[in-house]
C-alpha atoms as a PDB file:
ATOM      1  CA  UNK A   1       0.000   0.000   0.000  1.00  0.00           C
ATOM      2  CA  UNK A   2       2.868   2.290   0.916  1.00  0.00           C
ATOM      3  CA  UNK A   3       4.542   1.646  -2.461  1.00  0.00           C
ATOM      4  CA  UNK A   4       1.308   2.431  -4.235  1.00  0.00           C
ATOM      5  CA  UNK A   5       1.041   5.784  -2.388  1.00  0.00           C
ATOM      6  CA  UNK A   6       4.659   6.566  -3.328  1.00  0.00           C
ATOM      7  CA  UNK A   7       4.015   5.828  -6.997  1.00  0.00           C
ATOM      8  CA  UNK A   8       0.921   8.020  -6.928  1.00  0.00           C
ATOM      9  CA  UNK A   9       2.911  10.848  -5.358  1.00  0.00           C
ATOM     10  CA  UNK A  10       5.657  10.539  -7.971  1.00  0.00           C
ATOM     11  CA  UNK A  11       3.118  10.579 -10.789  1.00  0.00           C
ATOM     12  CA  UNK A  12       1.498  13.690  -9.323  1.00  0.00           C
ATOM     13  CA  UNK A  13       4.868  15.437  -9.041  1.00  0.00           C
ATOM     14  CA  UNK A  14       5.719  14.532 -12.625  1.00  0.00           C
ATOM     15  CA  UNK A  15       2.411  15.923 -13.851  1.00  0.00           C
ATOM     16  CA  UNK A  16       2.893  19.136 -11.850  1.00  0.00           C
ATOM     17  CA  UNK A  17       6.379  19.490 -13.284  1.00  0.00           C
ATOM     18  CA  UNK A  18       5.059  19.152 -16.824  1.00  0.00           C
ATOM     19  CA  UNK A  19       2.458  21.834 -16.154  1.00  0.00           C
ATOM     20  CA  UNK A  20       4.730  24.296 -14.387  1.00  0.00           C
ATOM     21  CA  UNK A  21       7.867  23.787 -16.512  1.00  0.00           C
ATOM     22  CA  UNK A  22       6.582  22.808 -19.979  1.00  0.00           C
ATOM     23  CA  UNK A  23       9.698  24.154 -21.744  1.00  0.00           C
ATOM     24  CA  UNK A  24      12.268  22.160 -19.802  1.00  0.00           C
ATOM     25  CA  UNK A  25      11.783  18.685 -21.243  1.00  0.00           C
ATOM     26  CA  UNK A  26       9.510  17.664 -24.089  1.00  0.00           C
ATOM     27  CA  UNK A  27       8.831  14.416 -25.912  1.00  0.00           C
ATOM     28  CA  UNK A  28      10.367  14.503 -29.363  1.00  0.00           C
ATOM     29  CA  UNK A  29      12.485  12.419 -31.710  1.00  0.00           C
ATOM     30  CA  UNK A  30      16.170  11.728 -32.193  1.00  0.00           C
ATOM     31  CA  UNK A  31      17.562  10.500 -35.492  1.00  0.00           C
ATOM     32  CA  UNK A  32      20.855   9.873 -37.244  1.00  0.00           C
ATOM     33  CA  UNK A  33      21.311  10.138 -40.997  1.00  0.00           C
ATOM     34  CA  UNK A  34      24.089   9.460 -43.495  1.00  0.00           C
ATOM     35  CA  UNK A  35      24.581  11.121 -46.874  1.00  0.00           C
ATOM     36  CA  UNK A  36      26.870   9.520 -49.451  1.00  0.00           C
ATOM     37  CA  UNK A  37      27.891  10.764 -52.876  1.00  0.00           C
ATOM     38  CA  UNK A  38      29.418   8.368 -55.380  1.00  0.00           C
ATOM     39  CA  UNK A  39      30.621   9.248 -58.886  1.00  0.00           C
ATOM     40  CA  UNK A  40      31.591   5.680 -59.695  1.00  0.00           C
ATOM     41  CA  UNK A  41      35.210   6.686 -60.192  1.00  0.00           C
ATOM     42  CA  UNK A  42      37.554   4.149 -58.602  1.00  0.00           C
ATOM     43  CA  UNK A  43      40.279   6.689 -57.828  1.00  0.00           C
ATOM     44  CA  UNK A  44      37.905   9.101 -56.088  1.00  0.00           C
ATOM     45  CA  UNK A  45      36.922   8.340 -52.509  1.00  0.00           C
ATOM     46  CA  UNK A  46      33.210   8.304 -51.767  1.00  0.00           C
ATOM     47  CA  UNK A  47      32.028  11.431 -49.932  1.00  0.00           C
ATOM     48  CA  UNK A  48      30.211  10.709 -46.649  1.00  0.00           C
ATOM     49  CA  UNK A  49      28.454  13.110 -44.284  1.00  0.00           C
ATOM     50  CA  UNK A  50      26.887  12.039 -40.993  1.00  0.00           C
ATOM     51  CA  UNK A  51      24.460  14.032 -38.874  1.00  0.00           C
ATOM     52  CA  UNK A  52      22.509  13.492 -35.702  1.00  0.00           C
ATOM     53  CA  UNK A  53      19.383  15.471 -34.963  1.00  0.00           C
ATOM     54  CA  UNK A  54      16.758  16.281 -32.362  1.00  0.00           C
ATOM     55  CA  UNK A  55      13.226  17.281 -33.401  1.00  0.00           C
ATOM     56  CA  UNK A  56      10.353  18.550 -31.280  1.00  0.00           C
ATOM     57  CA  UNK A  57       7.456  19.784 -33.409  1.00  0.00           C
ATOM     58  CA  UNK A  58       8.707  23.000 -35.097  1.00  0.00           C
ATOM     59  CA  UNK A  59      12.048  22.959 -33.264  1.00  0.00           C
ATOM     60  CA  UNK A  60      15.059  21.083 -34.623  1.00  0.00           C
ATOM     61  CA  UNK A  61      18.802  20.789 -34.154  1.00  0.00           C
ATOM     62  CA  UNK A  62      20.981  19.052 -36.747  1.00  0.00           C
ATOM     63  CA  UNK A  63      24.579  18.439 -35.683  1.00  0.00           C
ATOM     64  CA  UNK A  64      27.335  17.502 -38.149  1.00  0.00           C
ATOM     65  CA  UNK A  65      29.279  14.517 -36.855  1.00  0.00           C
ATOM     66  CA  UNK A  66      32.104  14.433 -39.387  1.00  0.00           C
ATOM     67  CA  UNK A  67      31.484  17.682 -41.262  1.00  0.00           C
ATOM     68  CA  UNK A  68      32.956  18.981 -44.500  1.00  0.00           C
ATOM     69  CA  UNK A  69      36.609  19.527 -45.411  1.00  0.00           C
ATOM     70  CA  UNK A  70      35.536  22.684 -47.211  1.00  0.00           C
ATOM     71  CA  UNK A  71      32.314  24.520 -46.525  1.00  0.00           C
ATOM     72  CA  UNK A  72      30.273  25.815 -43.587  1.00  0.00           C
ATOM     73  CA  UNK A  73      29.335  22.429 -42.069  1.00  0.00           C
ATOM     74  CA  UNK A  74      32.403  21.661 -39.973  1.00  0.00           C
ATOM     75  CA  UNK A  75      32.374  18.796 -37.467  1.00  0.00           C
ATOM     76  CA  UNK A  76      30.548  19.777 -34.289  1.00  0.00           C
ATOM     77  CA  UNK A  77      28.678  22.694 -35.842  1.00  0.00           C
ATOM     78  CA  UNK A  78      24.897  22.509 -36.058  1.00  0.00           C
ATOM     79  CA  UNK A  79      21.781  23.981 -37.649  1.00  0.00           C
ATOM     80  CA  UNK A  80      18.989  25.060 -35.322  1.00  0.00           C
ATOM     81  CA  UNK A  81      15.438  26.318 -35.814  1.00  0.00           C
ATOM     82  CA  UNK A  82      12.358  26.944 -33.710  1.00  0.00           C
ATOM     83  CA  UNK A  83       9.889  27.714 -36.491  1.00  0.00           C
ATOM     84  CA  UNK A  84       9.972  24.647 -38.703  1.00  0.00           C
ATOM     85  CA  UNK A  85      12.912  25.811 -40.780  1.00  0.00           C
ATOM     86  CA  UNK A  86      11.598  29.228 -41.766  1.00  0.00           C
ATOM     87  CA  UNK A  87      14.482  30.731 -39.794  1.00  0.00           C
ATOM     88  CA  UNK A  88      17.637  28.631 -39.497  1.00  0.00           C
ATOM     89  CA  UNK A  89      20.871  29.454 -37.716  1.00  0.00           C
ATOM     90  CA  UNK A  90      24.263  27.798 -38.154  1.00  0.00           C
ATOM     91  CA  UNK A  91      26.141  27.549 -34.853  1.00  0.00           C
ATOM     92  CA  UNK A  92      29.868  26.818 -34.532  1.00  0.00           C
ATOM     93  CA  UNK A  93      30.739  25.895 -30.903  1.00  0.00           C
ATOM     94  CA  UNK A  94      34.462  25.711 -31.688  1.00  0.00           C
ATOM     95  CA  UNK A  95      34.553  29.327 -32.858  1.00  0.00           C
ATOM     96  CA  UNK A  96      31.704  30.350 -30.493  1.00  0.00           C
ATOM     97  CA  UNK A  97      29.760  31.968 -33.336  1.00  0.00           C
ATOM     98  CA  UNK A  98      26.293  31.799 -34.883  1.00  0.00           C
ATOM     99  CA  UNK A  99      24.665  33.302 -37.948  1.00  0.00           C
ATOM    100  CA  UNK A 100      21.564  33.177 -40.099  1.00  0.00           C
ATOM    101  CA  UNK A 101      21.730  30.356 -42.634  1.00  0.00           C
ATOM    102  CA  UNK A 102      19.381  30.400 -45.623  1.00  0.00           C
ATOM    103  CA  UNK A 103      19.995  27.865 -48.396  1.00  0.00           C
ATOM    104  CA  UNK A 104      17.428  29.580 -50.600  1.00  0.00           C
ATOM    105  CA  UNK A 105      19.308  32.874 -50.219  1.00  0.00           C
ATOM    106  CA  UNK A 106      22.603  31.127 -50.976  1.00  0.00           C
ATOM    107  CA  UNK A 107      21.325  29.734 -54.253  1.00  0.00           C
ATOM    108  CA  UNK A 108      19.654  33.053 -55.116  1.00  0.00           C
ATOM    109  CA  UNK A 109      22.997  34.793 -54.551  1.00  0.00           C
ATOM    110  CA  UNK A 110      24.703  32.308 -56.863  1.00  0.00           C
ATOM    111  CA  UNK A 111      22.085  32.951 -59.519  1.00  0.00           C
ATOM    112  CA  UNK A 112      22.403  36.699 -58.999  1.00  0.00           C
ATOM    113  CA  UNK A 113      26.178  36.502 -59.387  1.00  0.00           C
ATOM    114  CA  UNK A 114      25.876  34.619 -62.678  1.00  0.00           C
ATOM    115  CA  UNK A 115      23.280  37.086 -63.952  1.00  0.00           C
ATOM    116  CA  UNK A 116      25.584  39.942 -63.000  1.00  0.00           C
ATOM    117  CA  UNK A 117      28.473  38.412 -64.919  1.00  0.00           C
ATOM    118  CA  UNK A 118      26.187  37.963 -67.915  1.00  0.00           C
ATOM    119  CA  UNK A 119      25.280  41.653 -67.838  1.00  0.00           C
ATOM    120  CA  UNK A 120      28.722  43.153 -67.333  1.00  0.00           C
ATOM    121  CA  UNK A 121      29.994  43.367 -70.881  1.00  0.00           C
ATOM    122  CA  UNK A 122      28.971  39.859 -71.846  1.00  0.00           C
ATOM    123  CA  UNK A 123      32.061  38.235 -70.329  1.00  0.00           C
ATOM    124  CA  UNK A 124      29.948  35.336 -69.091  1.00  0.00           C
ATOM    125  CA  UNK A 125      26.560  34.310 -70.429  1.00  0.00           C
ATOM    126  CA  UNK A 126      24.518  31.450 -69.048  1.00  0.00           C
ATOM    127  CA  UNK A 127      21.066  30.169 -69.893  1.00  0.00           C
ATOM    128  CA  UNK A 128      18.866  27.234 -68.864  1.00  0.00           C
ATOM    129  CA  UNK A 129      16.634  25.585 -71.470  1.00  0.00           C
ATOM    130  CA  UNK A 130      14.563  22.410 -71.858  1.00  0.00           C
ATOM    131  CA  UNK A 131      13.599  22.590 -68.180  1.00  0.00           C
ATOM    132  CA  UNK A 132      11.316  19.739 -67.102  1.00  0.00           C
ATOM    133  CA  UNK A 133      10.054  17.834 -64.065  1.00  0.00           C
ATOM    134  CA  UNK A 134       7.638  14.894 -64.056  1.00  0.00           C
ATOM    135  CA  UNK A 135       6.239  12.705 -61.294  1.00  0.00           C
ATOM    136  CA  UNK A 136       6.563   9.078 -62.390  1.00  0.00           C
ATOM    137  CA  UNK A 137       4.974   7.159 -59.539  1.00  0.00           C
ATOM    138  CA  UNK A 138       3.500   7.270 -56.041  1.00  0.00           C
ATOM    139  CA  UNK A 139       3.065   3.861 -54.411  1.00  0.00           C
ATOM    140  CA  UNK A 140       3.411   1.899 -51.191  1.00  0.00           C
ATOM    141  CA  UNK A 141       7.069   1.872 -50.196  1.00  0.00           C
ATOM    142  CA  UNK A 142       7.136  -0.843 -47.555  1.00  0.00           C
ATOM    143  CA  UNK A 143       8.438  -0.679 -43.998  1.00  0.00           C
ATOM    144  CA  UNK A 144      11.485   1.430 -43.127  1.00  0.00           C
ATOM    145  CA  UNK A 145      12.737   1.558 -39.519  1.00  0.00           C
ATOM    146  CA  UNK A 146       9.366   0.311 -38.322  1.00  0.00           C
ATOM    147  CA  UNK A 147       7.316   2.869 -40.258  1.00  0.00           C
ATOM    148  CA  UNK A 148       5.104   2.380 -43.305  1.00  0.00           C
ATOM    149  CA  UNK A 149       6.267   4.544 -46.203  1.00  0.00           C
ATOM    150  CA  UNK A 150       5.145   5.925 -49.530  1.00  0.00           C
ATOM    151  CA  UNK A 151       7.588   5.678 -52.435  1.00  0.00           C
ATOM    152  CA  UNK A 152       7.727   8.700 -54.752  1.00  0.00           C
ATOM    153  CA  UNK A 153       9.706   8.780 -58.005  1.00  0.00           C
ATOM    154  CA  UNK A 154      10.156  11.643 -60.415  1.00  0.00           C
ATOM    155  CA  UNK A 155      12.552  12.774 -63.106  1.00  0.00           C
ATOM    156  CA  UNK A 156      13.730  16.268 -63.940  1.00  0.00           C
ATOM    157  CA  UNK A 157      16.343  17.938 -66.056  1.00  0.00           C
ATOM    158  CA  UNK A 158      17.666  20.971 -67.848  1.00  0.00           C
ATOM    159  CA  UNK A 159      20.198  22.035 -70.460  1.00  0.00           C
ATOM    160  CA  UNK A 160      22.741  24.642 -69.427  1.00  0.00           C
ATOM    161  CA  UNK A 161      24.560  26.718 -72.028  1.00  0.00           C
ATOM    162  CA  UNK A 162      27.465  28.889 -70.967  1.00  0.00           C
ATOM    163  CA  UNK A 163      29.637  31.287 -72.944  1.00  0.00           C
ATOM    164  CA  UNK A 164      32.760  32.700 -71.316  1.00  0.00           C
ATOM    165  CA  UNK A 165      35.337  34.830 -73.107  1.00  0.00           C
ATOM    166  CA  UNK A 166      34.451  33.239 -76.442  1.00  0.00           C
ATOM    167  CA  UNK A 167      34.460  29.690 -75.046  1.00  0.00           C
ATOM    168  CA  UNK A 168      31.131  27.868 -75.352  1.00  0.00           C
ATOM    169  CA  UNK A 169      29.970  24.943 -73.246  1.00  0.00           C
ATOM    170  CA  UNK A 170      26.707  23.010 -73.290  1.00  0.00           C
ATOM    171  CA  UNK A 171      25.736  20.512 -70.594  1.00  0.00           C
ATOM    172  CA  UNK A 172      22.651  18.384 -70.218  1.00  0.00           C
ATOM    173  CA  UNK A 173      21.681  17.370 -66.659  1.00  0.00           C
ATOM    174  CA  UNK A 174      19.099  14.623 -66.081  1.00  0.00           C
ATOM    175  CA  UNK A 175      18.019  13.553 -62.604  1.00  0.00           C
ATOM    176  CA  UNK A 176      16.042  10.601 -61.296  1.00  0.00           C
ATOM    177  CA  UNK A 177      14.956  10.822 -57.669  1.00  0.00           C
ATOM    178  CA  UNK A 178      13.372   8.265 -55.340  1.00  0.00           C
ATOM    179  CA  UNK A 179      11.963   9.185 -51.929  1.00  0.00           C
ATOM    180  CA  UNK A 180      10.610   6.898 -49.209  1.00  0.00           C
ATOM    181  CA  UNK A 181       8.529   9.006 -46.830  1.00  0.00           C
ATOM    182  CA  UNK A 182       6.465   8.103 -43.771  1.00  0.00           C
ATOM    183  CA  UNK A 183       3.228   9.815 -42.758  1.00  0.00           C
ATOM    184  CA  UNK A 184       3.772   8.753 -39.137  1.00  0.00           C
ATOM    185  CA  UNK A 185       6.092  11.704 -38.492  1.00  0.00           C
ATOM    186  CA  UNK A 186       4.882  15.098 -39.628  1.00  0.00           C
ATOM    187  CA  UNK A 187       6.678  17.577 -37.342  1.00  0.00           C
ATOM    188  CA  UNK A 188       7.951  20.488 -39.438  1.00  0.00           C
ATOM    189  CA  UNK A 189      11.344  20.294 -37.748  1.00  0.00           C
ATOM    190  CA  UNK A 190      12.139  17.122 -39.708  1.00  0.00           C
ATOM    191  CA  UNK A 191      12.276  19.140 -42.933  1.00  0.00           C
ATOM    192  CA  UNK A 192      15.320  21.161 -41.902  1.00  0.00           C
ATOM    193  CA  UNK A 193      17.745  18.480 -43.122  1.00  0.00           C
ATOM    194  CA  UNK A 194      15.718  15.746 -44.815  1.00  0.00           C
ATOM    195  CA  UNK A 195      14.041  17.901 -47.477  1.00  0.00           C
ATOM    196  CA  UNK A 196      14.177  15.892 -50.729  1.00  0.00           C
ATOM    197  CA  UNK A 197      14.849  19.024 -52.848  1.00  0.00           C
ATOM    198  CA  UNK A 198      17.878  20.081 -50.776  1.00  0.00           C
ATOM    199  CA  UNK A 199      20.381  18.603 -53.235  1.00  0.00           C
ATOM    200  CA  UNK A 200      18.571  19.757 -56.387  1.00  0.00           C
ATOM    201  CA  UNK A 201      18.876  23.545 -56.118  1.00  0.00           C
ATOM    202  CA  UNK A 202      20.690  25.215 -59.016  1.00  0.00           C
ATOM    203  CA  UNK A 203      20.199  28.948 -58.513  1.00  0.00           C
ATOM    204  CA  UNK A 204      18.049  29.104 -61.648  1.00  0.00           C
ATOM    205  CA  UNK A 205      14.697  30.515 -60.558  1.00  0.00           C
ATOM    206  CA  UNK A 206      12.570  28.712 -63.164  1.00  0.00           C
ATOM    207  CA  UNK A 207      14.037  25.267 -62.504  1.00  0.00           C
ATOM    208  CA  UNK A 208      14.138  25.641 -58.708  1.00  0.00           C
ATOM    209  CA  UNK A 209      10.478  26.662 -58.588  1.00  0.00           C
ATOM    210  CA  UNK A 210       9.540  23.690 -60.757  1.00  0.00           C
ATOM    211  CA  UNK A 211      11.394  21.280 -58.469  1.00  0.00           C
ATOM    212  CA  UNK A 212       9.940  22.835 -55.310  1.00  0.00           C
ATOM    213  CA  UNK A 213       6.377  22.515 -56.616  1.00  0.00           C
ATOM    214  CA  UNK A 214       6.999  18.871 -57.491  1.00  0.00           C
ATOM    215  CA  UNK A 215       8.598  18.051 -54.141  1.00  0.00           C
ATOM    216  CA  UNK A 216       5.665  19.715 -52.357  1.00  0.00           C
ATOM    217  CA  UNK A 217       3.635  16.595 -53.224  1.00  0.00           C
ATOM    218  CA  UNK A 218       5.831  14.520 -50.874  1.00  0.00           C
ATOM    219  CA  UNK A 219       4.022  14.187 -47.556  1.00  0.00           C
ATOM    220  CA  UNK A 220       5.513  13.280 -44.212  1.00  0.00           C
ATOM    221  CA  UNK A 221       9.137  12.667 -43.259  1.00  0.00           C
ATOM    222  CA  UNK A 222      11.557  11.284 -45.908  1.00  0.00           C
ATOM    223  CA  UNK A 223      13.452   8.361 -44.377  1.00  0.00           C
ATOM    224  CA  UNK A 224      15.468   7.739 -47.523  1.00  0.00           C
ATOM    225  CA  UNK A 225      16.254   9.754 -50.650  1.00  0.00           C
ATOM    226  CA  UNK A 226      18.264   8.606 -53.661  1.00  0.00           C
ATOM    227  CA  UNK A 227      19.188  11.072 -56.393  1.00  0.00           C
ATOM    228  CA  UNK A 228      20.902   9.872 -59.581  1.00  0.00           C
ATOM    229  CA  UNK A 229      22.258  12.759 -61.657  1.00  0.00           C
ATOM    230  CA  UNK A 230      23.649  12.249 -65.157  1.00  0.00           C
ATOM    231  CA  UNK A 231      25.658  15.059 -66.726  1.00  0.00           C
ATOM    232  CA  UNK A 232      26.306  14.876 -70.478  1.00  0.00           C
ATOM    233  CA  UNK A 233      28.495  17.282 -72.417  1.00  0.00           C
ATOM    234  CA  UNK A 234      28.114  18.360 -76.021  1.00  0.00           C
ATOM    235  CA  UNK A 235      30.377  15.529 -77.213  1.00  0.00           C
ATOM    236  CA  UNK A 236      28.130  12.943 -75.593  1.00  0.00           C
ATOM    237  CA  UNK A 237      30.455  12.075 -72.709  1.00  0.00           C
ATOM    238  CA  UNK A 238      28.496  11.380 -69.516  1.00  0.00           C
ATOM    239  CA  UNK A 239      29.217  11.207 -65.811  1.00  0.00           C
ATOM    240  CA  UNK A 240      26.763   9.809 -63.273  1.00  0.00           C
ATOM    241  CA  UNK A 241      26.633  10.770 -59.597  1.00  0.00           C
ATOM    242  CA  UNK A 242      24.474   8.950 -57.042  1.00  0.00           C
ATOM    243  CA  UNK A 243      23.661  10.776 -53.818  1.00  0.00           C
ATOM    244  CA  UNK A 244      21.860   8.912 -51.034  1.00  0.00           C
ATOM    245  CA  UNK A 245      20.550  10.335 -47.770  1.00  0.00           C
ATOM    246  CA  UNK A 246      19.219   7.720 -45.359  1.00  0.00           C
ATOM    247  CA  UNK A 247      17.996   7.784 -41.767  1.00  0.00           C
ATOM    248  CA  UNK A 248      19.832   4.991 -39.935  1.00  0.00           C
ATOM    249  CA  UNK A 249      18.523   5.526 -36.388  1.00  0.00           C
ATOM    250  CA  UNK A 250      15.168   6.877 -35.256  1.00  0.00           C
ATOM    251  CA  UNK A 251      13.631   6.881 -31.800  1.00  0.00           C
ATOM    252  CA  UNK A 252      11.436   8.872 -29.439  1.00  0.00           C
ATOM    253  CA  UNK A 253      13.362  10.862 -26.862  1.00  0.00           C
ATOM    254  CA  UNK A 254      12.781  13.492 -24.171  1.00  0.00           C
ATOM    255  CA  UNK A 255      14.463  16.691 -25.313  1.00  0.00           C
ATOM    256  CA  UNK A 256      15.393  19.665 -23.067  1.00  0.00           C
ATOM    257  CA  UNK A 257      14.272  23.027 -24.431  1.00  0.00           C
ATOM    258  CA  UNK A 258      17.856  24.315 -24.167  1.00  0.00           C
ATOM    259  CA  UNK A 259      18.816  21.940 -27.006  1.00  0.00           C
ATOM    260  CA  UNK A 260      17.499  24.420 -29.553  1.00  0.00           C
ATOM    261  CA  UNK A 261      19.779  27.341 -28.801  1.00  0.00           C
ATOM    262  CA  UNK A 262      23.323  28.410 -28.010  1.00  0.00           C
ATOM    263  CA  UNK A 263      25.193  30.159 -25.171  1.00  0.00           C
ATOM    264  CA  UNK A 264      24.579  33.895 -24.734  1.00  0.00           C
ATOM    265  CA  UNK A 265      28.235  34.833 -25.190  1.00  0.00           C
ATOM    266  CA  UNK A 266      28.463  33.509 -28.777  1.00  0.00           C
ATOM    267  CA  UNK A 267      29.162  36.174 -31.437  1.00  0.00           C
ATOM    268  CA  UNK A 268      26.874  36.744 -34.410  1.00  0.00           C
ATOM    269  CA  UNK A 269      28.625  36.504 -37.792  1.00  0.00           C
ATOM    270  CA  UNK A 270      27.682  36.616 -41.469  1.00  0.00           C
ATOM    271  CA  UNK A 271      27.496  33.038 -42.751  1.00  0.00           C
ATOM    272  CA  UNK A 272      26.825  34.011 -46.362  1.00  0.00           C
ATOM    273  CA  UNK A 273      28.918  36.716 -48.058  1.00  0.00           C
ATOM    274  CA  UNK A 274      27.085  39.956 -48.693  1.00  0.00           C
ATOM    275  CA  UNK A 275      26.754  41.060 -52.329  1.00  0.00           C
ATOM    276  CA  UNK A 276      28.258  44.501 -53.034  1.00  0.00           C
ATOM    277  CA  UNK A 277      25.749  47.312 -53.373  1.00  0.00           C
ATOM    278  CA  UNK A 278      24.242  47.405 -56.839  1.00  0.00           C
ATOM    279  CA  UNK A 279      25.894  44.104 -57.815  1.00  0.00           C
ATOM    280  CA  UNK A 280      24.012  42.566 -60.721  1.00  0.00           C
ATOM    281  CA  UNK A 281      21.880  45.656 -61.292  1.00  0.00           C
ATOM    282  CA  UNK A 282      23.305  47.941 -63.958  1.00  0.00           C
ATOM    283  CA  UNK A 283      23.005  51.568 -62.890  1.00  0.00           C
ATOM    284  CA  UNK A 284      20.727  50.671 -59.998  1.00  0.00           C
ATOM    285  CA  UNK A 285      21.539  50.389 -56.333  1.00  0.00           C
ATOM    286  CA  UNK A 286      20.097  47.492 -54.421  1.00  0.00           C
ATOM    287  CA  UNK A 287      17.515  48.017 -51.751  1.00  0.00           C
ATOM    288  CA  UNK A 288      18.423  48.878 -48.163  1.00  0.00           C
ATOM    289  CA  UNK A 289      21.687  47.042 -47.535  1.00  0.00           C
ATOM    290  CA  UNK A 290      21.476  47.337 -43.770  1.00  0.00           C
ATOM    291  CA  UNK A 291      22.050  44.155 -41.822  1.00  0.00           C
ATOM    292  CA  UNK A 292      18.939  42.209 -40.939  1.00  0.00           C
ATOM    293  CA  UNK A 293      18.074  42.068 -37.320  1.00  0.00           C
ATOM    294  CA  UNK A 294      18.615  38.641 -35.828  1.00  0.00           C
ATOM    295  CA  UNK A 295      16.025  36.742 -33.822  1.00  0.00           C
ATOM    296  CA  UNK A 296      18.291  36.405 -30.810  1.00  0.00           C
ATOM    297  CA  UNK A 297      15.506  36.328 -28.263  1.00  0.00           C
ATOM    298  CA  UNK A 298      13.814  33.431 -30.006  1.00  0.00           C
ATOM    299  CA  UNK A 299      16.873  31.210 -29.791  1.00  0.00           C
ATOM    300  CA  UNK A 300      18.279  31.880 -26.343  1.00  0.00           C
ATOM    301  CA  UNK A 301      18.944  28.663 -24.417  1.00  0.00           C
ATOM    302  CA  UNK A 302      15.837  27.335 -22.752  1.00  0.00           C
ATOM    303  CA  UNK A 303      13.737  29.937 -24.554  1.00  0.00           C
END
């Protein structure tokens, strides 16, 4: 009887704690994922990136286990959001820095840079033609990590023509993508890293919009994505690259609210380089170039 009263008391305390301190610990999910990129070339080592992540509804943290040799995703750094990926920050604990990270803005900047080069005396000209994207199938995908999935397959492609200092180059890119997604997990935080269109962005507005609209048909959380890209030059020589992103571990886990933040003393930095004023706009200055205000209050530890 005494043990029963003790258990009842503990349950009551746990319930009170959940009501009084709802932001301290919350039930969410932990997962690990691996991304590999293989060109099929024997002499070239296969690229591998590993991440581990914590997701609680709209909040997510994606930590890079091995990181990149070159690029912003160094080992130990992490992406963090509290609004389902609408605002994402890249945090580097080693350097004690953080900054706004927007992949869409990065690709837009790349496209803007190419457009600027095309306009400045014609030194570089680039155009995308024969842009296409087609959904091929949507069917039952079987069980993955204990979850029923839907298998989506679509193909897309474009032809890129580039002229630089009198040198002309034409490349055809064709992509076949397979996605296995589960409807069991629909928290927006999962989309921060496992978005199936993450590896397909080109910086070309027309193509990127087409891909995004197609990918919008994928529902739930992608547990596995395979993208086969074939690049063919004007002489007919082709190279195929297969990129696979796969969740290898997935479980429910209690997650402290402080997971989705960083220490107060970290310094804010610019993750993406700022374009010079008026860059890419002949005779016109860009809009207000003042630095955007960060959402520091939203991401303070335990906030």
